[in-house]
C-alpha atoms as a PDB file:
ATOM      1  CA  MET A   1      74.014 104.686  98.114  1.00  0.00           C
ATOM      2  CA  HIS A   2      77.673 103.474  98.209  1.00  0.00           C
ATOM      3  CA  ASN A   3      78.517  99.288  98.464  1.00  0.00           C
ATOM      4  CA  ALA A   4      80.387  98.400 101.216  1.00  0.00           C
ATOM      5  CA  LEU A   5      84.140  98.232 101.223  1.00  0.00           C
ATOM      6  CA  LEU A   6      85.711  94.871 101.316  1.00  0.00           C
ATOM      7  CA  PRO A   7      87.104  93.917 105.313  1.00  0.00           C
ATOM      8  CA  ILE A   8      90.947  93.924 104.579  1.00  0.00           C
ATOM      9  CA  LEU A   9      92.462  94.557 107.212  1.00  0.00           C
ATOM     10  CA  PRO A  10      96.549  95.613 106.106  1.00  0.00           C
ATOM     11  CA  LEU A  11      99.619  93.672 106.313  1.00  0.00           C
ATOM     12  CA  PHE A  12     102.115  94.666 108.489  1.00  0.00           C
ATOM     13  CA  ARG A  13     106.272  93.889 107.862  1.00  0.00           C
ATOM     14  CA  ASP A  14     106.108  91.987 111.252  1.00  0.00           C
ATOM     15  CA  ASP A  15     103.262  89.213 109.430  1.00  0.00           C
ATOM     16  CA  LEU A  16     105.613  88.524 106.051  1.00  0.00           C
ATOM     17  CA  PRO A  17     107.694  86.366 105.555  1.00  0.00           C
ATOM     18  CA  LEU A  18     111.086  86.971 105.565  1.00  0.00           C
ATOM     19  CA  ASP A  19     112.668  85.042 102.060  1.00  0.00           C
ATOM     20  CA  THR A  20     112.102  85.594  99.335  1.00  0.00           C
ATOM     21  CA  THR A  21     110.537  82.512  97.938  1.00  0.00           C
ATOM     22  CA  GLU A  22     108.029  82.175 100.893  1.00  0.00           C
ATOM     23  CA  LEU A  23     107.168  85.727 100.270  1.00  0.00           C
ATOM     24  CA  ALA A  24     105.875  85.265  96.808  1.00  0.00           C
ATOM     25  CA  ARG A  25     103.862  82.198  97.948  1.00  0.00           C
ATOM     26  CA  PHE A  26     102.569  83.994 101.323  1.00  0.00           C
ATOM     27  CA  MET A  27     101.032  86.412  99.365  1.00  0.00           C
ATOM     28  CA  ILE A  28      98.600  84.846  97.282  1.00  0.00           C
ATOM     29  CA  GLY A  29      95.551  85.219  98.138  1.00  0.00           C
ATOM     30  CA  LYS A  30      95.711  88.841  99.560  1.00  0.00           C
ATOM     31  CA  TYR A  31      94.842  91.737  98.534  1.00  0.00           C
ATOM     32  CA  LEU A  32      95.989  94.769  97.157  1.00  0.00           C
ATOM     33  CA  VAL A  33      94.556  97.635  96.905  1.00  0.00           C
ATOM     34  CA  CYS A  34      95.208 101.320  95.513  1.00  0.00           C
ATOM     35  CA  GLU A  35      92.944 104.596  97.144  1.00  0.00           C
ATOM     36  CA  ARG A  36      93.331 107.511  94.900  1.00  0.00           C
ATOM     37  CA  SER A  37      90.940 110.465  95.420  1.00  0.00           C
ATOM     38  CA  GLU A  38      88.037 109.153  93.005  1.00  0.00           C
ATOM     39  CA  GLY A  39      88.034 106.261  95.136  1.00  0.00           C
ATOM     40  CA  ARG A  40      89.426 102.702  95.801  1.00  0.00           C
ATOM     41  CA  MET A  41      90.417 100.006  94.091  1.00  0.00           C
ATOM     42  CA  SER A  42      91.012  96.123  95.013  1.00  0.00           C
ATOM     43  CA  GLY A  43      91.900  92.484  94.023  1.00  0.00           C
ATOM     44  CA  ARG A  44      92.602  89.516  94.890  1.00  0.00           C
ATOM     45  CA  ILE A  45      96.494  88.634  94.211  1.00  0.00           C
ATOM     46  CA  VAL A  46      96.308  85.415  92.038  1.00  0.00           C
ATOM     47  CA  GLU A  47      99.608  85.449  90.874  1.00  0.00           C
ATOM     48  CA  THR A  48     103.228  86.294  92.133  1.00  0.00           C
ATOM     49  CA  GLU A  49     106.768  85.742  91.015  1.00  0.00           C
ATOM     50  CA  ALA A  50     109.838  85.028  92.693  1.00  0.00           C
ATOM     51  CA  TYR A  51     113.543  87.368  92.432  1.00  0.00           C
ATOM     52  CA  PRO A  52     115.648  85.769  95.310  1.00  0.00           C
ATOM     53  CA  LEU A  53     119.068  86.658  96.439  1.00  0.00           C
ATOM     54  CA  GLY A  54     121.490  85.330  93.856  1.00  0.00           C
ATOM     55  CA  ASP A  55     119.125  85.634  91.288  1.00  0.00           C
ATOM     56  CA  SER A  56     120.788  86.332  87.478  1.00  0.00           C
ATOM     57  CA  THR A  57     117.431  87.828  86.569  1.00  0.00           C
ATOM     58  CA  SER A  58     116.970  90.165  89.511  1.00  0.00           C
ATOM     59  CA  HIS A  59     117.427  93.980  88.863  1.00  0.00           C
ATOM     60  CA  ALA A  60     119.013  93.623  92.442  1.00  0.00           C
ATOM     61  CA  PHE A  61     122.008  91.039  91.101  1.00  0.00           C
ATOM     62  CA  ALA A  62     124.291  93.648  90.000  1.00  0.00           C
ATOM     63  CA  GLY A  63     124.383  95.283  93.132  1.00  0.00           C
ATOM     64  CA  ARG A  64     122.060  98.791  94.917  1.00  0.00           C
ATOM     65  CA  ARG A  65     122.508 101.794  92.008  1.00  0.00           C
ATOM     66  CA  PRO A  66     119.968 104.565  91.779  1.00  0.00           C
ATOM     67  CA  TYR A  67     117.439 102.929  90.160  1.00  0.00           C
ATOM     68  CA  ASN A  68     116.616  99.934  91.897  1.00  0.00           C
ATOM     69  CA  GLY A  69     116.878 101.031  95.734  1.00  0.00           C
ATOM     70  CA  SER A  70     113.981  99.870  96.555  1.00  0.00           C
ATOM     71  CA  MET A  71     114.594  96.674  96.105  1.00  0.00           C
ATOM     72  CA  PHE A  72     117.188  96.864  99.190  1.00  0.00           C
ATOM     73  CA  LEU A  73     114.580  98.352 101.586  1.00  0.00           C
ATOM     74  CA  ALA A  74     112.952  96.479 104.135  1.00  0.00           C
ATOM     75  CA  PRO A  75     110.287  93.756 103.175  1.00  0.00           C
ATOM     76  CA  GLY A  76     106.800  95.493 102.158  1.00  0.00           C
ATOM     77  CA  TYR A  77     108.252  98.301 100.036  1.00  0.00           C
ATOM     78  CA  ALA A  78     106.700  99.069  96.343  1.00  0.00           C
ATOM     79  CA  TYR A  79     109.546  98.566  93.729  1.00  0.00           C
ATOM     80  CA  VAL A  80     108.275  99.891  90.657  1.00  0.00           C
ATOM     81  CA  ARG A  81     110.634  99.980  87.377  1.00  0.00           C
ATOM     82  CA  LEU A  82     109.407 100.587  83.387  1.00  0.00           C
ATOM     83  CA  THR A  83     110.332  97.636  81.194  1.00  0.00           C
ATOM     84  CA  TYR A  84     111.450  97.929  78.377  1.00  0.00           C
ATOM     85  CA  GLY A  85     110.121 101.236  77.778  1.00  0.00           C
ATOM     86  CA  LEU A  86     106.249 100.072  77.992  1.00  0.00           C
ATOM     87  CA  SER A  87     105.111  99.046  81.172  1.00  0.00           C
ATOM     88  CA  TYR A  88     105.292  99.792  84.576  1.00  0.00           C
ATOM     89  CA  MET A  89     106.079  96.534  87.070  1.00  0.00           C
ATOM     90  CA  LEU A  90     105.140  96.399  90.364  1.00  0.00           C
ATOM     91  CA  ASN A  91     107.176  94.684  93.181  1.00  0.00           C
ATOM     92  CA  MET A  92     107.850  94.422  96.688  1.00  0.00           C
ATOM     93  CA  SER A  93     111.109  94.266  98.136  1.00  0.00           C
ATOM     94  CA  ALA A  94     111.589  91.065 100.390  1.00  0.00           C
ATOM     95  CA  GLU A  95     114.558  90.828 102.613  1.00  0.00           C
ATOM     96  CA  PRO A  96     116.454  92.241 105.231  1.00  0.00           C
ATOM     97  CA  GLU A  97     117.171  95.838 104.831  1.00  0.00           C
ATOM     98  CA  GLY A  98     120.495  96.230 102.519  1.00  0.00           C
ATOM     99  CA  ILE A  99     119.354  92.957 101.157  1.00  0.00           C
ATOM    100  CA  GLY A 100     118.690  93.058  97.318  1.00  0.00           C
ATOM    101  CA  ALA A 101     115.721  90.685  95.883  1.00  0.00           C
ATOM    102  CA  GLY A 102     112.103  91.048  95.340  1.00  0.00           C
ATOM    103  CA  ILE A 103     108.929  89.840  94.469  1.00  0.00           C
ATOM    104  CA  LEU A 104     106.868  90.288  91.398  1.00  0.00           C
ATOM    105  CA  ILE A 105     103.002  90.857  91.458  1.00  0.00           C
ATOM    106  CA  ARG A 106     102.145  89.253  88.243  1.00  0.00           C
ATOM    107  CA  ALA A 107      97.968  89.361  88.317  1.00  0.00           C
ATOM    108  CA  ILE A 108      94.557  90.410  90.888  1.00  0.00           C
ATOM    109  CA  GLU A 109      91.142  89.447  90.503  1.00  0.00           C
ATOM    110  CA  PRO A 110      89.256  92.957  90.019  1.00  0.00           C
ATOM    111  CA  LEU A 111      86.953  93.860  92.865  1.00  0.00           C
ATOM    112  CA  GLU A 112      86.745  96.690  94.029  1.00  0.00           C
ATOM    113  CA  GLY A 113      86.762 100.317  91.532  1.00  0.00           C
ATOM    114  CA  LEU A 114      85.836  98.493  88.378  1.00  0.00           C
ATOM    115  CA  PRO A 115      84.699 101.410  86.772  1.00  0.00           C
ATOM    116  CA  LEU A 116      88.001 103.368  87.840  1.00  0.00           C
ATOM    117  CA  MET A 117      89.705 100.202  86.251  1.00  0.00           C
ATOM    118  CA  GLU A 118      88.094 100.014  83.177  1.00  0.00           C
ATOM    119  CA  VAL A 119      88.401 104.032  82.493  1.00  0.00           C
ATOM    120  CA  ARG A 120      92.031 103.325  81.792  1.00  0.00           C
ATOM    121  CA  ARG A 121      91.644 100.540  80.057  1.00  0.00           C
ATOM    122  CA  PRO A 122      88.521 100.921  78.159  1.00  0.00           C
ATOM    123  CA  GLY A 123      86.391  97.730  76.151  1.00  0.00           C
ATOM    124  CA  VAL A 124      88.533  95.143  78.292  1.00  0.00           C
ATOM    125  CA  PRO A 125      86.825  92.704  79.582  1.00  0.00           C
ATOM    126  CA  LEU A 126      87.173  91.881  83.682  1.00  0.00           C
ATOM    127  CA  ARG A 127      88.959  89.001  83.283  1.00  0.00           C
ATOM    128  CA  ASP A 128      92.230  91.009  81.197  1.00  0.00           C
ATOM    129  CA  LEU A 129      91.691  94.114  83.380  1.00  0.00           C
ATOM    130  CA  ALA A 130      94.484  93.188  85.544  1.00  0.00           C
ATOM    131  CA  ARG A 131      96.071  89.882  84.080  1.00  0.00           C
ATOM    132  CA  GLY A 132      99.272  90.063  83.720  1.00  0.00           C
ATOM    133  CA  PRO A 133     101.736  92.531  85.442  1.00  0.00           C
ATOM    134  CA  GLY A 134     101.866  95.597  83.514  1.00  0.00           C
ATOM    135  CA  ARG A 135      97.900  95.627  82.621  1.00  0.00           C
ATOM    136  CA  LEU A 136      98.164  95.103  86.262  1.00  0.00           C
ATOM    137  CA  THR A 137      99.937  98.889  86.959  1.00  0.00           C
ATOM    138  CA  MET A 138      98.135 100.156  83.798  1.00  0.00           C
ATOM    139  CA  ALA A 139      94.323  99.390  85.667  1.00  0.00           C
ATOM    140  CA  LEU A 140      95.259 101.287  89.007  1.00  0.00           C
ATOM    141  CA  GLY A 141      97.289 103.477  88.184  1.00  0.00           C
ATOM    142  CA  ILE A 142     100.542 102.426  89.256  1.00  0.00           C
ATOM    143  CA  ASP A 143     103.713 104.604  87.936  1.00  0.00           C
ATOM    144  CA  GLN A 144     107.251 105.243  88.854  1.00  0.00           C
ATOM    145  CA  SER A 145     105.714 107.847  91.450  1.00  0.00           C
ATOM    146  CA  PHE A 146     104.613 104.786  93.625  1.00  0.00           C
ATOM    147  CA  ASP A 147     109.078 103.260  93.455  1.00  0.00           C
ATOM    148  CA  GLY A 148     109.935 103.249  97.234  1.00  0.00           C
ATOM    149  CA  CYS A 149     105.986 103.874  98.467  1.00  0.00           C
ATOM    150  CA  ASP A 150     105.476 101.851 102.316  1.00  0.00           C
ATOM    151  CA  LEU A 151     102.705  98.723 101.510  1.00  0.00           C
ATOM    152  CA  CYS A 152     102.520  97.870 104.809  1.00  0.00           C
ATOM    153  CA  THR A 153     100.686 101.132 106.135  1.00  0.00           C
ATOM    154  CA  GLY A 154      97.369 100.582 105.460  1.00  0.00           C
ATOM    155  CA  ARG A 155      97.198 104.165 103.659  1.00  0.00           C
ATOM    156  CA  GLY A 156      97.217 104.688  99.880  1.00  0.00           C
ATOM    157  CA  LEU A 157      99.095 101.282  98.114  1.00  0.00           C
ATOM    158  CA  TRP A 158      98.984  99.047 100.374  1.00  0.00           C
ATOM    159  CA  ILE A 159      98.239  95.050 100.650  1.00  0.00           C
ATOM    160  CA  GLY A 160      96.310  93.272 103.270  1.00  0.00           C
ATOM    161  CA  VAL A 161      94.122  89.896 103.968  1.00  0.00           C
ATOM    162  CA  ILE A 162      90.469  88.574 104.698  1.00  0.00           C
ATOM    163  CA  GLU A 163      90.679  85.014 104.578  1.00  0.00           C
ATOM    164  CA  LYS A 164      92.630  83.426 107.603  1.00  0.00           C
ATOM    165  CA  GLY A 165      94.442  80.183 106.482  1.00  0.00           C
ATOM    166  CA  ALA A 166      96.326  79.432 103.832  1.00  0.00           C
ATOM    167  CA  ALA A 167      95.310  79.631  99.923  1.00  0.00           C
ATOM    168  CA  SER A 168      95.512  76.788  97.827  1.00  0.00           C
ATOM    169  CA  ILE A 169      98.526  77.479  95.966  1.00  0.00           C
ATOM    170  CA  GLY A 170     100.313  76.588  92.524  1.00  0.00           C
ATOM    171  CA  VAL A 171     103.602  76.662  91.554  1.00  0.00           C
ATOM    172  CA  THR A 172     105.836  76.691  88.612  1.00  0.00           C
ATOM    173  CA  THR A 173     108.179  78.011  86.292  1.00  0.00           C
ATOM    174  CA  ARG A 174     108.722  82.270  85.729  1.00  0.00           C
ATOM    175  CA  ILE A 175     107.481  83.439  82.498  1.00  0.00           C
ATOM    176  CA  GLY A 176     109.422  85.640  79.731  1.00  0.00           C
ATOM    177  CA  LEU A 177     113.029  84.396  81.043  1.00  0.00           C
ATOM    178  CA  SER A 178     116.048  84.410  79.251  1.00  0.00           C
ATOM    179  CA  ARG A 179     118.167  82.190  81.582  1.00  0.00           C
ATOM    180  CA  GLU A 180     117.135  80.373  84.845  1.00  0.00           C
ATOM    181  CA  MET A 181     114.015  79.479  83.245  1.00  0.00           C
ATOM    182  CA  HIS A 182     113.815  76.090  85.075  1.00  0.00           C
ATOM    183  CA  ARG A 183     113.399  77.392  88.721  1.00  0.00           C
ATOM    184  CA  PRO A 184     109.736  77.022  90.317  1.00  0.00           C
ATOM    185  CA  LEU A 185     109.466  80.399  91.093  1.00  0.00           C
ATOM    186  CA  ARG A 186     106.047  81.326  89.840  1.00  0.00           C
ATOM    187  CA  PHE A 187     103.022  81.293  91.940  1.00  0.00           C
ATOM    188  CA  PHE A 188      99.258  81.235  91.323  1.00  0.00           C
ATOM    189  CA  GLU A 189      95.799  80.909  92.647  1.00  0.00           C
ATOM    190  CA  PRO A 190      94.753  77.125  91.111  1.00  0.00           C
ATOM    191  CA  GLY A 191      91.606  77.964  87.998  1.00  0.00           C
ATOM    192  CA  SER A 192      91.690  81.295  88.259  1.00  0.00           C
ATOM    193  CA  VAL A 193      90.639  82.790  85.249  1.00  0.00           C
ATOM    194  CA  PHE A 194      92.678  86.000  85.855  1.00  0.00           C
ATOM    195  CA  VAL A 195      96.341  83.915  86.242  1.00  0.00           C
ATOM    196  CA  SER A 196      98.373  85.170  82.979  1.00  0.00           C
ATOM    197  CA  GLY A 197      99.934  83.038  80.429  1.00  0.00           C
ATOM    198  CA  PRO A 198      99.657  80.477  78.727  1.00  0.00           C
ATOM    199  CA  ARG A 199      96.912  77.330  80.485  1.00  0.00           C
ATOM    200  CA  LYS A 200      99.565  74.712  79.295  1.00  0.00           C
ATOM    201  CA  LEU A 201     102.150  76.280  82.454  1.00  0.00           C
ATOM    202  CA  LEU A 202      99.402  76.612  85.167  1.00  0.00           C
ATOM    203  CA  MET A 203     100.187  72.799  86.053  1.00  0.00           C
ATOM    204  CA  THR A 204     102.242  72.623  89.787  1.00  0.00           C
ATOM    205  CA  PRO A 205     105.395  70.352  89.412  1.00  0.00           C
ATOM    206  CA  ASP A 206     105.787  66.851  91.154  1.00  0.00           C
END
């Protein structure tokens, strides 16, 4: 007997705020769903980072290129990039079409399809299955083939919602940057053990 699927409702493009920083905040508490032939995996988004227009650390800062075109699509498209030749990162386009900006989905709390994730990350405790952007994509099997995927269709790889109302949200600076480190553009679910990075960073600036 199969367990009932979570009642996750798709988020549509009109549901998304038209501002990169607001979108990064908005996505905390929403759900990331990946449907594959072997089954469905999903998790609650507990950590994001914003890379807004004009941010020198953004992959879109130098303008539209063959590799970053998905960042210039309308809000809600996947931008998947291999970073340092090691890990894929799942980003989402965030501004009106033609404007390059996006958010990074850094971590989820795994909820559905745990055995499928564990096959890709064997021997890893639940807490660490998708705690960090590279771990997240590995657990869900997300690679370059997902670049440009529409996350607002309710099919394949998509974003959704269960709870109504705003989630509790913390904000701090981003991780692993060599410039623009001071900007409070990292959002997370306070108290979640599935948030990545040092615990000391999980505080809300005054």
